[in-house]
Every structure is written in C-alpha cells, then in structure tokens.
Amino acid sequence: MRSSRRFGYFVPLLLLLASCAEKQEAAQVPPPGRPGRGISIIEAKDRMRAPDLAIPSLGGSTWRLADQKGKVVLVDFWATWCGPCRMTIPHMIELRQTIGEERLAIVGISLDQGGAPIVEPFVRQMGINYTILLDPQGRSAEQFGGVQGIPTFFLIDRSGRIAASMVGAGPKESIAQAVDALLRET
C-alpha cells in the first residue's frame, strides 16, 4: 500500500519535470525557438501550413483554425498544473487587451486530462480573457508534430501558415514583437 502511494506521487513529479523539456523536433513544423531566446519569425516562403484544427472550447462550441483567416493566431499549449504556463498567462491577457480580437486570435489549448471541471475554475480565477480550448487527449498537439514540453507557442500568420514556435516561458516582449511583426506583414 505504501509503495503504491509513493508511486502515485512520483508520476506527477515526472510529468512536471518532463513538461519543462527544452528539446522538440517535429516532422511537420520547424523546431521551436529555445527558452529564453525568444521567437524567430520564419521567412514567408519557408512557412508550412498549420494543421486544420477543430477543437471544443470551454464554452462548448467548436473552434476552427480555418475560421481565423486574416488574423494572426497565437496558439498556446498549456495545463493548469504547469508553473511556466501560469507565468505566461498574464502576458496573454495583456496581449488580448492591447491587440483587438479582430486582428489577433489567442487560443490556449488546455492539455489537462481532467477537462472542463479542472480548467473552468482556473480560467475564472486567473481572469483569462482569450479563448480556451479543451484537448485532454493531446490530439491537436500531435497535429502540430508533437509537443515535448509546455508551454509551447505557435504563431500562425494571416494565411494560416506557421510563422514561429517556441517552447517555454520566453520573454513577453519577444512574443509581442513577433505578433507585431506578423500583423505588419501584407
């Protein structure tokens, strides 16, 4: 009985440590920027099409990436239990307040296995003002080629192509500058 309790504590600890991984290679998308170094924009000619996502939102409707054409989209893979994810949430809230929803779609894709019962109270507590999607099985992360650590960010240009990616809680200025650069593209 005692050893099973210890094992029960060990698994979440292992998952937490794995969530902070810096290395990610994906077959479908370019490797992300490294933590602390910010986001580098990929040249337009080298960008790959983002996966065609259709994911349930916290409110119950289905959010589709295809419906975001003409907007820059910031995708944030995260979980409520992830410390670095919690650190980036205020940055996303601030971005939402600064840049209008008509130009920038911010979506947080929760990988919490508990789904809405875990995520909804957390969203209220944190005052999250952007779209939250629920993907407890991580299928959308697989569509992006896999997410090795969270938070993982993907920036999608107005044409629906992946323009940048980053693993970890990078500097908020770097994310804001990358979003601004994409908004200025014609």
N, C-alpha and C. Protein backbone atom coordinates (compact mmCIF):
# COMPACT_ATOMS: atom_id res chain seq x y z
N MET A 1 0.84 -1.19 0.00
CA MET A 1 0.00 0.00 0.00
C MET A 1 0.88 1.24 0.00
N ARG A 2 1.91 1.23 0.84
CA ARG A 2 2.77 2.40 0.95
C ARG A 2 3.53 2.68 -0.35
N SER A 3 4.02 1.63 -1.00
CA SER A 3 4.77 1.82 -2.24
C SER A 3 3.87 2.35 -3.35
N SER A 4 2.59 1.97 -3.38
CA SER A 4 1.69 2.50 -4.41
C SER A 4 1.42 3.99 -4.18
N ARG A 5 1.41 4.43 -2.95
CA ARG A 5 1.26 5.86 -2.66
C ARG A 5 2.48 6.63 -3.16
N ARG A 6 3.65 6.09 -2.89
CA ARG A 6 4.87 6.75 -3.36
C ARG A 6 4.86 6.84 -4.87
N PHE A 7 4.46 5.77 -5.52
CA PHE A 7 4.39 5.77 -6.98
C PHE A 7 3.39 6.83 -7.46
N GLY A 8 2.29 6.98 -6.75
CA GLY A 8 1.29 7.99 -7.09
C GLY A 8 1.83 9.40 -7.03
N TYR A 9 2.79 9.66 -6.15
CA TYR A 9 3.42 10.98 -6.07
C TYR A 9 4.52 11.12 -7.11
N PHE A 10 5.15 10.01 -7.46
CA PHE A 10 6.28 10.04 -8.38
C PHE A 10 5.84 10.38 -9.81
N VAL A 11 4.73 9.83 -10.27
CA VAL A 11 4.27 10.05 -11.65
C VAL A 11 4.00 11.54 -11.92
N PRO A 12 3.23 12.25 -11.09
CA PRO A 12 3.04 13.68 -11.37
C PRO A 12 4.35 14.46 -11.36
N LEU A 13 5.28 14.08 -10.48
CA LEU A 13 6.57 14.75 -10.44
C LEU A 13 7.32 14.54 -11.75
N LEU A 14 7.29 13.32 -12.25
CA LEU A 14 7.93 13.02 -13.53
C LEU A 14 7.31 13.83 -14.66
N LEU A 15 5.98 13.92 -14.67
CA LEU A 15 5.29 14.70 -15.70
C LEU A 15 5.65 16.17 -15.62
N LEU A 16 5.76 16.70 -14.42
CA LEU A 16 6.13 18.10 -14.24
C LEU A 16 7.53 18.35 -14.78
N LEU A 17 8.46 17.48 -14.45
CA LEU A 17 9.83 17.64 -14.94
C LEU A 17 9.88 17.52 -16.46
N ALA A 18 9.12 16.60 -17.01
CA ALA A 18 9.11 16.43 -18.46
C ALA A 18 8.50 17.64 -19.15
N SER A 19 7.59 18.35 -18.47
CA SER A 19 6.94 19.50 -19.08
C SER A 19 7.90 20.65 -19.32
N CYS A 20 9.00 20.65 -18.65
CA CYS A 20 9.95 21.75 -18.80
C CYS A 20 11.02 21.43 -19.82
N ALA A 21 10.84 20.37 -20.59
CA ALA A 21 11.83 19.99 -21.59
C ALA A 21 12.05 21.10 -22.59
N GLU A 22 13.32 21.29 -22.98
CA GLU A 22 13.66 22.33 -23.94
C GLU A 22 13.70 21.83 -25.36
N LYS A 23 13.84 20.53 -25.56
CA LYS A 23 14.07 19.99 -26.88
C LYS A 23 12.76 19.55 -27.52
N GLN A 24 12.55 19.95 -28.78
CA GLN A 24 11.40 19.48 -29.52
C GLN A 24 11.74 19.48 -30.99
N GLU A 25 11.55 18.37 -31.62
CA GLU A 25 11.68 18.26 -33.06
C GLU A 25 10.34 17.75 -33.55
N ALA A 26 9.82 18.32 -34.62
CA ALA A 26 8.55 17.89 -35.15
C ALA A 26 8.70 17.66 -36.64
N ALA A 27 8.06 16.63 -37.12
CA ALA A 27 8.16 16.30 -38.53
C ALA A 27 7.46 17.34 -39.40
N GLN A 28 6.34 17.87 -38.95
CA GLN A 28 5.54 18.76 -39.77
C GLN A 28 5.89 20.24 -39.60
N VAL A 29 6.53 20.61 -38.54
CA VAL A 29 6.80 22.02 -38.29
C VAL A 29 8.27 22.22 -37.95
N PRO A 30 8.78 23.42 -38.18
CA PRO A 30 10.17 23.68 -37.84
C PRO A 30 10.39 23.58 -36.34
N PRO A 31 11.62 23.29 -35.90
CA PRO A 31 11.87 23.22 -34.47
C PRO A 31 11.63 24.58 -33.82
N PRO A 32 11.12 24.58 -32.59
CA PRO A 32 10.79 25.84 -31.92
C PRO A 32 12.04 26.56 -31.44
N GLY A 33 11.83 27.85 -31.15
CA GLY A 33 12.88 28.62 -30.51
C GLY A 33 13.19 28.03 -29.14
N ARG A 34 14.33 28.32 -28.60
CA ARG A 34 14.73 27.78 -27.31
C ARG A 34 14.30 28.73 -26.21
N PRO A 35 13.98 28.20 -25.03
CA PRO A 35 13.54 29.04 -23.93
C PRO A 35 14.53 30.16 -23.63
N GLY A 36 13.98 31.33 -23.37
CA GLY A 36 14.79 32.47 -23.00
C GLY A 36 15.40 33.21 -24.19
N ARG A 37 15.28 32.64 -25.38
CA ARG A 37 15.87 33.28 -26.55
C ARG A 37 14.84 33.92 -27.44
N GLY A 38 13.59 33.83 -27.08
CA GLY A 38 12.56 34.49 -27.83
C GLY A 38 12.09 33.71 -29.05
N ILE A 39 11.40 34.41 -29.90
CA ILE A 39 10.79 33.80 -31.07
C ILE A 39 11.42 34.39 -32.32
N SER A 40 11.82 33.54 -33.22
CA SER A 40 12.33 33.98 -34.52
C SER A 40 11.27 33.69 -35.57
N ILE A 41 10.97 34.69 -36.38
CA ILE A 41 9.97 34.54 -37.43
C ILE A 41 10.61 33.81 -38.61
N ILE A 42 9.90 32.81 -39.13
CA ILE A 42 10.34 32.06 -40.31
C ILE A 42 10.02 32.90 -41.54
N GLU A 43 10.90 32.93 -42.51
CA GLU A 43 10.63 33.66 -43.75
C GLU A 43 9.36 33.11 -44.38
N ALA A 44 8.56 34.00 -44.96
CA ALA A 44 7.26 33.63 -45.51
C ALA A 44 7.34 32.48 -46.49
N LYS A 45 8.35 32.46 -47.33
CA LYS A 45 8.47 31.41 -48.35
C LYS A 45 8.75 30.03 -47.75
N ASP A 46 9.24 29.98 -46.52
CA ASP A 46 9.59 28.72 -45.87
C ASP A 46 8.54 28.21 -44.88
N ARG A 47 7.45 28.93 -44.75
CA ARG A 47 6.42 28.55 -43.76
C ARG A 47 5.57 27.39 -44.27
N MET A 48 5.19 26.54 -43.32
CA MET A 48 4.32 25.40 -43.62
C MET A 48 2.91 25.68 -43.14
N ARG A 49 1.96 25.08 -43.83
CA ARG A 49 0.55 25.24 -43.47
C ARG A 49 0.31 24.67 -42.08
N ALA A 50 -0.44 25.42 -41.27
CA ALA A 50 -0.82 24.94 -39.94
C ALA A 50 -1.86 23.84 -40.07
N PRO A 51 -1.92 22.93 -39.12
CA PRO A 51 -2.93 21.87 -39.19
C PRO A 51 -4.34 22.45 -39.10
N ASP A 52 -5.26 21.75 -39.71
CA ASP A 52 -6.66 22.17 -39.72
C ASP A 52 -7.32 21.75 -38.42
N LEU A 53 -7.26 22.63 -37.42
CA LEU A 53 -7.78 22.31 -36.10
C LEU A 53 -9.27 22.56 -36.00
N ALA A 54 -9.96 21.70 -35.28
CA ALA A 54 -11.36 21.89 -34.89
C ALA A 54 -11.46 21.29 -33.49
N ILE A 55 -11.50 22.16 -32.48
CA ILE A 55 -11.38 21.72 -31.08
C ILE A 55 -12.52 22.32 -30.26
N PRO A 56 -13.07 21.55 -29.32
CA PRO A 56 -14.12 22.11 -28.46
C PRO A 56 -13.56 23.19 -27.53
N SER A 57 -14.34 24.26 -27.40
CA SER A 57 -13.95 25.34 -26.49
C SER A 57 -14.52 25.07 -25.11
N LEU A 58 -14.03 25.81 -24.16
CA LEU A 58 -14.53 25.70 -22.78
C LEU A 58 -16.03 25.99 -22.74
N GLY A 59 -16.49 26.87 -23.61
CA GLY A 59 -17.91 27.22 -23.66
C GLY A 59 -18.79 26.18 -24.35
N GLY A 60 -18.16 25.18 -25.00
CA GLY A 60 -18.93 24.11 -25.63
C GLY A 60 -18.99 24.16 -27.14
N SER A 61 -18.69 25.32 -27.74
CA SER A 61 -18.71 25.40 -29.20
C SER A 61 -17.41 24.82 -29.76
N THR A 62 -17.36 24.63 -31.07
CA THR A 62 -16.15 24.14 -31.72
C THR A 62 -15.40 25.31 -32.33
N TRP A 63 -14.13 25.44 -31.98
CA TRP A 63 -13.26 26.49 -32.52
C TRP A 63 -12.50 25.89 -33.69
N ARG A 64 -12.48 26.61 -34.83
CA ARG A 64 -11.80 26.14 -36.02
C ARG A 64 -10.73 27.13 -36.44
N LEU A 65 -9.54 26.61 -36.67
CA LEU A 65 -8.45 27.46 -37.16
C LEU A 65 -8.81 28.05 -38.52
N ALA A 66 -9.50 27.29 -39.35
CA ALA A 66 -9.88 27.78 -40.68
C ALA A 66 -10.74 29.04 -40.60
N ASP A 67 -11.46 29.23 -39.51
CA ASP A 67 -12.31 30.42 -39.34
C ASP A 67 -11.51 31.66 -38.98
N GLN A 68 -10.21 31.52 -38.78
CA GLN A 68 -9.38 32.65 -38.32
C GLN A 68 -8.61 33.32 -39.46
N LYS A 69 -8.89 32.95 -40.71
CA LYS A 69 -8.18 33.54 -41.86
C LYS A 69 -8.22 35.06 -41.76
N GLY A 70 -7.10 35.67 -42.06
CA GLY A 70 -7.00 37.12 -41.99
C GLY A 70 -6.51 37.63 -40.65
N LYS A 71 -6.43 36.73 -39.66
CA LYS A 71 -5.94 37.10 -38.33
C LYS A 71 -4.60 36.41 -38.09
N VAL A 72 -3.80 37.01 -37.25
CA VAL A 72 -2.65 36.32 -36.69
C VAL A 72 -3.20 35.47 -35.54
N VAL A 73 -2.73 34.25 -35.40
CA VAL A 73 -3.22 33.35 -34.35
C VAL A 73 -2.04 32.95 -33.46
N LEU A 74 -2.21 33.12 -32.17
CA LEU A 74 -1.23 32.68 -31.19
C LEU A 74 -1.83 31.48 -30.47
N VAL A 75 -1.21 30.32 -30.67
CA VAL A 75 -1.66 29.07 -30.05
C VAL A 75 -0.73 28.76 -28.89
N ASP A 76 -1.31 28.53 -27.73
CA ASP A 76 -0.55 28.24 -26.52
C ASP A 76 -0.99 26.90 -25.96
N PHE A 77 -0.13 25.87 -26.05
CA PHE A 77 -0.40 24.59 -25.42
C PHE A 77 0.02 24.70 -23.96
N TRP A 78 -0.88 24.39 -23.03
CA TRP A 78 -0.63 24.62 -21.62
C TRP A 78 -1.44 23.65 -20.77
N ALA A 79 -1.24 23.72 -19.45
CA ALA A 79 -2.04 22.96 -18.48
C ALA A 79 -2.09 23.75 -17.17
N THR A 80 -3.12 23.53 -16.40
CA THR A 80 -3.31 24.27 -15.14
C THR A 80 -2.21 23.98 -14.13
N TRP A 81 -1.64 22.79 -14.15
CA TRP A 81 -0.64 22.38 -13.17
C TRP A 81 0.78 22.81 -13.54
N CYS A 82 0.96 23.43 -14.69
CA CYS A 82 2.29 23.80 -15.21
C CYS A 82 2.69 25.19 -14.73
N GLY A 83 3.74 25.25 -13.91
CA GLY A 83 4.22 26.53 -13.38
C GLY A 83 4.61 27.53 -14.46
N PRO A 84 5.45 27.15 -15.44
CA PRO A 84 5.80 28.10 -16.51
C PRO A 84 4.58 28.57 -17.31
N CYS A 85 3.58 27.69 -17.46
CA CYS A 85 2.35 28.08 -18.16
C CYS A 85 1.64 29.20 -17.39
N ARG A 86 1.57 29.04 -16.09
CA ARG A 86 0.93 30.05 -15.24
C ARG A 86 1.63 31.40 -15.36
N MET A 87 2.96 31.35 -15.54
CA MET A 87 3.73 32.60 -15.65
C MET A 87 3.40 33.34 -16.95
N THR A 88 3.04 32.63 -18.01
CA THR A 88 2.78 33.28 -19.30
C THR A 88 1.34 33.78 -19.45
N ILE A 89 0.43 33.29 -18.64
CA ILE A 89 -0.97 33.68 -18.77
C ILE A 89 -1.17 35.19 -18.67
N PRO A 90 -0.56 35.88 -17.70
CA PRO A 90 -0.73 37.35 -17.67
C PRO A 90 -0.25 38.03 -18.95
N HIS A 91 0.77 37.47 -19.60
CA HIS A 91 1.25 38.04 -20.86
C HIS A 91 0.19 37.92 -21.95
N MET A 92 -0.48 36.76 -21.98
CA MET A 92 -1.53 36.55 -22.98
C MET A 92 -2.73 37.46 -22.70
N ILE A 93 -3.06 37.62 -21.43
CA ILE A 93 -4.15 38.52 -21.04
C ILE A 93 -3.84 39.94 -21.50
N GLU A 94 -2.61 40.37 -21.26
CA GLU A 94 -2.19 41.72 -21.66
C GLU A 94 -2.22 41.89 -23.18
N LEU A 95 -1.75 40.87 -23.90
CA LEU A 95 -1.80 40.93 -25.37
C LEU A 95 -3.24 41.08 -25.86
N ARG A 96 -4.15 40.31 -25.25
CA ARG A 96 -5.57 40.38 -25.64
C ARG A 96 -6.12 41.79 -25.40
N GLN A 97 -5.71 42.43 -24.31
CA GLN A 97 -6.18 43.78 -24.01
C GLN A 97 -5.58 44.80 -24.97
N THR A 98 -4.35 44.58 -25.40
CA THR A 98 -3.63 45.54 -26.24
C THR A 98 -4.03 45.43 -27.71
N ILE A 99 -4.17 44.20 -28.19
CA ILE A 99 -4.46 43.98 -29.61
C ILE A 99 -5.87 43.43 -29.72
N GLY A 100 -6.66 44.03 -30.57
CA GLY A 100 -8.05 43.63 -30.72
C GLY A 100 -8.24 42.23 -31.26
N GLU A 101 -9.34 41.62 -30.89
CA GLU A 101 -9.69 40.27 -31.30
C GLU A 101 -9.87 40.15 -32.81
N GLU A 102 -10.17 41.27 -33.47
CA GLU A 102 -10.35 41.23 -34.92
C GLU A 102 -9.03 41.06 -35.67
N ARG A 103 -7.89 41.33 -35.01
CA ARG A 103 -6.57 41.20 -35.64
C ARG A 103 -5.77 40.02 -35.11
N LEU A 104 -6.00 39.65 -33.83
CA LEU A 104 -5.22 38.60 -33.19
C LEU A 104 -6.14 37.64 -32.44
N ALA A 105 -6.07 36.36 -32.83
CA ALA A 105 -6.79 35.33 -32.09
C ALA A 105 -5.78 34.66 -31.16
N ILE A 106 -6.07 34.67 -29.87
CA ILE A 106 -5.24 33.96 -28.90
C ILE A 106 -6.05 32.77 -28.41
N VAL A 107 -5.46 31.59 -28.52
CA VAL A 107 -6.14 30.38 -28.05
C VAL A 107 -5.21 29.59 -27.16
N GLY A 108 -5.69 29.28 -25.99
CA GLY A 108 -4.97 28.42 -25.08
C GLY A 108 -5.56 27.03 -25.18
N ILE A 109 -4.76 26.06 -25.59
CA ILE A 109 -5.23 24.68 -25.71
C ILE A 109 -4.81 23.93 -24.45
N SER A 110 -5.77 23.69 -23.59
CA SER A 110 -5.51 23.01 -22.33
C SER A 110 -5.33 21.52 -22.57
N LEU A 111 -4.22 20.99 -22.08
CA LEU A 111 -3.94 19.56 -22.17
C LEU A 111 -4.29 18.84 -20.87
N ASP A 112 -4.99 19.52 -19.97
CA ASP A 112 -5.40 18.92 -18.70
C ASP A 112 -6.30 17.72 -18.96
N GLN A 113 -5.94 16.58 -18.39
CA GLN A 113 -6.74 15.37 -18.58
C GLN A 113 -8.09 15.45 -17.89
N GLY A 114 -8.23 16.31 -16.91
CA GLY A 114 -9.49 16.45 -16.20
C GLY A 114 -10.53 17.26 -16.95
N GLY A 115 -10.15 17.92 -18.04
CA GLY A 115 -11.08 18.68 -18.86
C GLY A 115 -11.70 19.88 -18.16
N ALA A 116 -12.91 20.20 -18.57
CA ALA A 116 -13.60 21.40 -18.11
C ALA A 116 -13.72 21.53 -16.59
N PRO A 117 -14.01 20.47 -15.83
CA PRO A 117 -14.13 20.64 -14.38
C PRO A 117 -12.86 21.18 -13.72
N ILE A 118 -11.71 20.91 -14.30
CA ILE A 118 -10.45 21.42 -13.76
C ILE A 118 -10.14 22.80 -14.35
N VAL A 119 -10.38 22.94 -15.65
CA VAL A 119 -9.95 24.14 -16.37
C VAL A 119 -10.85 25.35 -16.09
N GLU A 120 -12.16 25.15 -16.05
CA GLU A 120 -13.09 26.28 -15.91
C GLU A 120 -12.84 27.11 -14.65
N PRO A 121 -12.73 26.52 -13.46
CA PRO A 121 -12.46 27.34 -12.28
C PRO A 121 -11.11 28.07 -12.36
N PHE A 122 -10.12 27.41 -12.96
CA PHE A 122 -8.80 28.02 -13.11
C PHE A 122 -8.89 29.25 -14.02
N VAL A 123 -9.62 29.14 -15.11
CA VAL A 123 -9.78 30.26 -16.05
C VAL A 123 -10.44 31.44 -15.36
N ARG A 124 -11.47 31.17 -14.58
CA ARG A 124 -12.15 32.25 -13.83
C ARG A 124 -11.20 32.89 -12.83
N GLN A 125 -10.49 32.06 -12.08
CA GLN A 125 -9.57 32.56 -11.05
C GLN A 125 -8.48 33.44 -11.67
N MET A 126 -7.95 33.05 -12.81
CA MET A 126 -6.87 33.79 -13.46
C MET A 126 -7.36 34.99 -14.27
N GLY A 127 -8.67 35.07 -14.52
CA GLY A 127 -9.21 36.17 -15.31
C GLY A 127 -8.83 36.09 -16.78
N ILE A 128 -8.72 34.88 -17.31
CA ILE A 128 -8.32 34.69 -18.70
C ILE A 128 -9.39 35.26 -19.63
N ASN A 129 -8.94 36.11 -20.54
CA ASN A 129 -9.85 36.84 -21.43
C ASN A 129 -9.73 36.41 -22.89
N TYR A 130 -9.13 35.27 -23.13
CA TYR A 130 -8.98 34.76 -24.50
C TYR A 130 -9.58 33.35 -24.56
N THR A 131 -9.71 32.83 -25.76
CA THR A 131 -10.36 31.55 -25.99
C THR A 131 -9.57 30.39 -25.39
N ILE A 132 -10.27 29.54 -24.67
CA ILE A 132 -9.66 28.35 -24.09
C ILE A 132 -10.31 27.12 -24.75
N LEU A 133 -9.45 26.25 -25.25
CA LEU A 133 -9.89 25.02 -25.90
C LEU A 133 -9.49 23.83 -25.03
N LEU A 134 -10.25 22.75 -25.14
CA LEU A 134 -10.01 21.57 -24.32
C LEU A 134 -9.55 20.40 -25.19
N ASP A 135 -8.38 19.89 -24.89
CA ASP A 135 -7.84 18.76 -25.64
C ASP A 135 -7.12 17.80 -24.68
N PRO A 136 -7.88 17.12 -23.82
CA PRO A 136 -7.26 16.26 -22.82
C PRO A 136 -6.45 15.09 -23.41
N GLN A 137 -6.77 14.68 -24.62
CA GLN A 137 -6.01 13.59 -25.24
C GLN A 137 -4.79 14.09 -26.02
N GLY A 138 -4.66 15.40 -26.20
CA GLY A 138 -3.50 15.96 -26.88
C GLY A 138 -3.48 15.73 -28.38
N ARG A 139 -4.62 15.51 -28.98
CA ARG A 139 -4.68 15.25 -30.43
C ARG A 139 -4.20 16.45 -31.24
N SER A 140 -4.55 17.65 -30.80
CA SER A 140 -4.11 18.83 -31.55
C SER A 140 -2.60 19.01 -31.46
N ALA A 141 -2.01 18.66 -30.33
CA ALA A 141 -0.56 18.73 -30.20
C ALA A 141 0.10 17.76 -31.19
N GLU A 142 -0.49 16.59 -31.36
CA GLU A 142 0.01 15.63 -32.34
C GLU A 142 -0.06 16.20 -33.75
N GLN A 143 -1.12 16.95 -34.05
CA GLN A 143 -1.26 17.55 -35.37
C GLN A 143 -0.15 18.57 -35.65
N PHE A 144 0.39 19.17 -34.61
CA PHE A 144 1.49 20.11 -34.77
C PHE A 144 2.84 19.39 -34.76
N GLY A 145 2.82 18.06 -34.75
CA GLY A 145 4.06 17.30 -34.76
C GLY A 145 4.51 16.86 -33.38
N GLY A 146 3.69 17.09 -32.38
CA GLY A 146 4.03 16.72 -31.02
C GLY A 146 4.53 17.90 -30.22
N VAL A 147 4.18 17.92 -28.97
CA VAL A 147 4.62 18.96 -28.05
C VAL A 147 5.38 18.25 -26.93
N GLN A 148 6.66 18.55 -26.83
CA GLN A 148 7.52 17.86 -25.86
C GLN A 148 7.53 18.51 -24.49
N GLY A 149 7.19 19.78 -24.42
CA GLY A 149 7.15 20.50 -23.15
C GLY A 149 6.13 21.61 -23.24
N ILE A 150 5.64 22.04 -22.11
CA ILE A 150 4.67 23.14 -22.11
C ILE A 150 5.16 24.22 -21.16
N PRO A 151 4.81 25.46 -21.43
CA PRO A 151 4.02 25.89 -22.57
C PRO A 151 4.80 25.78 -23.87
N THR A 152 4.09 25.52 -24.95
CA THR A 152 4.62 25.60 -26.30
C THR A 152 3.71 26.53 -27.08
N PHE A 153 4.33 27.50 -27.74
CA PHE A 153 3.59 28.50 -28.51
C PHE A 153 3.83 28.30 -30.00
N PHE A 154 2.79 28.51 -30.79
CA PHE A 154 2.89 28.56 -32.24
C PHE A 154 2.24 29.86 -32.68
N LEU A 155 2.92 30.57 -33.56
CA LEU A 155 2.35 31.78 -34.17
C LEU A 155 2.00 31.44 -35.60
N ILE A 156 0.78 31.72 -35.97
CA ILE A 156 0.27 31.41 -37.29
C ILE A 156 -0.04 32.72 -37.99
N ASP A 157 0.46 32.87 -39.22
CA ASP A 157 0.25 34.12 -39.95
C ASP A 157 -1.17 34.20 -40.50
N ARG A 158 -1.48 35.32 -41.14
CA ARG A 158 -2.85 35.56 -41.63
C ARG A 158 -3.27 34.60 -42.74
N SER A 159 -2.30 33.93 -43.33
CA SER A 159 -2.60 32.96 -44.40
C SER A 159 -2.72 31.53 -43.86
N GLY A 160 -2.61 31.35 -42.55
CA GLY A 160 -2.76 30.04 -41.95
C GLY A 160 -1.50 29.20 -41.97
N ARG A 161 -0.34 29.86 -42.04
CA ARG A 161 0.93 29.13 -42.05
C ARG A 161 1.68 29.38 -40.74
N ILE A 162 2.41 28.38 -40.28
CA ILE A 162 3.18 28.51 -39.04
C ILE A 162 4.37 29.42 -39.29
N ALA A 163 4.39 30.54 -38.58
CA ALA A 163 5.43 31.55 -38.77
C ALA A 163 6.50 31.47 -37.68
N ALA A 164 6.20 30.86 -36.55
CA ALA A 164 7.16 30.78 -35.45
C ALA A 164 6.65 29.80 -34.41
N SER A 165 7.58 29.30 -33.61
CA SER A 165 7.20 28.45 -32.47
C SER A 165 8.23 28.63 -31.38
N MET A 166 7.81 28.33 -30.16
CA MET A 166 8.70 28.50 -29.01
C MET A 166 8.24 27.58 -27.89
N VAL A 167 9.19 26.96 -27.22
CA VAL A 167 8.91 26.15 -26.04
C VAL A 167 9.36 26.94 -24.82
N GLY A 168 8.53 26.96 -23.79
CA GLY A 168 8.90 27.59 -22.53
C GLY A 168 8.34 28.98 -22.38
N ALA A 169 8.53 29.50 -21.18
CA ALA A 169 8.03 30.83 -20.83
C ALA A 169 9.07 31.87 -21.24
N GLY A 170 9.06 32.22 -22.51
CA GLY A 170 10.01 33.21 -23.02
C GLY A 170 9.62 34.61 -22.60
N PRO A 171 10.46 35.57 -22.92
CA PRO A 171 10.17 36.96 -22.56
C PRO A 171 8.91 37.47 -23.26
N LYS A 172 8.05 38.13 -22.50
CA LYS A 172 6.79 38.59 -23.09
C LYS A 172 7.04 39.57 -24.22
N GLU A 173 8.11 40.33 -24.16
CA GLU A 173 8.42 41.29 -25.21
C GLU A 173 8.68 40.57 -26.53
N SER A 174 9.31 39.42 -26.47
CA SER A 174 9.62 38.66 -27.67
C SER A 174 8.33 38.19 -28.36
N ILE A 175 7.39 37.70 -27.57
CA ILE A 175 6.11 37.27 -28.13
C ILE A 175 5.38 38.46 -28.73
N ALA A 176 5.33 39.57 -28.03
CA ALA A 176 4.65 40.76 -28.52
C ALA A 176 5.30 41.28 -29.80
N GLN A 177 6.63 41.27 -29.86
CA GLN A 177 7.33 41.73 -31.06
C GLN A 177 7.06 40.82 -32.25
N ALA A 178 7.02 39.53 -32.02
CA ALA A 178 6.73 38.58 -33.10
C ALA A 178 5.30 38.75 -33.61
N VAL A 179 4.37 38.94 -32.71
CA VAL A 179 2.97 39.18 -33.10
C VAL A 179 2.89 40.46 -33.91
N ASP A 180 3.54 41.52 -33.44
CA ASP A 180 3.54 42.80 -34.14
C ASP A 180 4.12 42.67 -35.54
N ALA A 181 5.23 41.94 -35.66
CA ALA A 181 5.86 41.74 -36.98
C ALA A 181 4.90 41.04 -37.94
N LEU A 182 4.17 40.05 -37.45
CA LEU A 182 3.21 39.35 -38.31
C LEU A 182 2.02 40.23 -38.66
N LEU A 183 1.59 41.07 -37.73
CA LEU A 183 0.48 41.97 -38.02
C LEU A 183 0.86 43.00 -39.09
N ARG A 184 2.15 43.34 -39.17
CA ARG A 184 2.60 44.31 -40.17
C ARG A 184 2.83 43.71 -41.55
N GLU A 185 2.86 42.39 -41.64
CA GLU A 185 3.03 41.75 -42.94
C GLU A 185 1.83 42.01 -43.83
N THR A 186 2.10 42.12 -45.13
CA THR A 186 0.98 42.34 -46.06
C THR A 186 0.58 41.07 -46.75
